[in-house]
Structure formats: structure tokens, C-alpha cells
Amino acid sequence: MWKPPFDAPGLLAGLLFTPYAPVTVPVGHATNPFLMPDHGAPPPAVLRNNSVVGMRLVMPLFIVVFGWITYGLARQEINNPSGPLVDGGCVLINGAIWLFIIVATAKAYIQPRLKVTVSADGVLTREIWLWRPKRERRYAKADAFVPHLEESIDDERASTFKCTLWLPNRVLTIAEGNRTTVEETRTRLLAALAA
């Protein structure tokens, strides 16, 4: 069999200089763009609980609005010493509302955002705080358990539902809100854990 006097790289050079030679095509996604990707493994399910982000945006707005109201009440008391603040009831109510706003703001900024990724490898939880580095933990799918929805009813008879994920030594709240949204999230989570 005739061989070229030089090493001809590439498929075209092999066809031109080697008559009737078997053609070898490199295998792999990087070298052969015609290969189809493997569709056997389902894509990972990513679930997020970003309700804390909404609280972080709303609480400064409450502080600004209630600060403006407090400033108006204090200014009215300075200009009219015999006004509604004389009895002290308004001061106590104002102080109680400020205490509630400060506690709710602190809670919103202390709680982490939560991201849960369920893939064929297992469950990856990622907690992201504003004030410290994020924390990632991996668990096996067999260690994860999703109980039924938890319902809580407030004083006005409004229902709030919660979907939780039980892991070894931890319970994470995946979704919280109305029944339809929380059930959809729970169904996605159960399907991802079963895959």
C-alpha cells in the first residue's frame, strides 16, 4: 500500500493521498459536532425560595413611610403641645409599630435565600446570606423526604400553605403561599426526587 512521503493531517489529506484506506472519524463531542448529546439523564430541577428578597425590598419602604408619619406626629406635638400626643397613647402605639418594623426588618435580613437543585447525583442545597458566605450541602436522594402540605390559618381565616423538604438534621421551607403555587412546587420536587 502506498503511503505519502509526509504525514498528511486531517480527513481530506487522508482521502487524497491514501487510496481505499479506511477512514477513521474521531469520536467525542469536542472533535465530532455531529454526535447527538445524551438525553438519558433528566435536567436538574432547581427550586428557589426567594420570598426573603421581597421582604428585603418592602421593609425599607415601610421604614421610610412610617418615619415620615412619625416625623409628622412629632412635628405636630412640637407645634401644638396640647395635641393628641399628650395622653401618651399615641406614643406607645407608635413605639410598638416601630418595634414590629425593626424586628421584621432584622428577620428579613438575617434569613438566607434558598436554592435547592435535585439532579441524578442527589440533592444540593445552597443557602445565600447577605452577611456571610453561602453554604452548600449535598445529600442523597434517598435521604430526602417531602411531607404533605402544611396549612396555617391566621386570625382573618386566610390560609397559607407551606412545602417543606426534610433532610438529615434539617427541615427546609421550599415554598410558601397559596395552595396552587405550593402544590405545583411540591409536585415538581416529588417528580425530581423520583427520577
Foldseek 3Di string as FASTA:
>chain_A
DDADPDDDDDQVVCPVGPPPDDGDQDDDCVRDVPDDDDPPWDAKDKFKDCVLVVLLVVLVVVVVVLVVVVVVVVVVCVVPVVDPCVVVPVVVVSVVVVVVSVVSNVVSQAFWIWMWIQTPQAIWIWTPHPPDHIDIDGDHLVQKDKDDWDWDADPVRDIKIWTWIDGVVDIGTRDIGDDVVRVVVSVSVVVSSVD
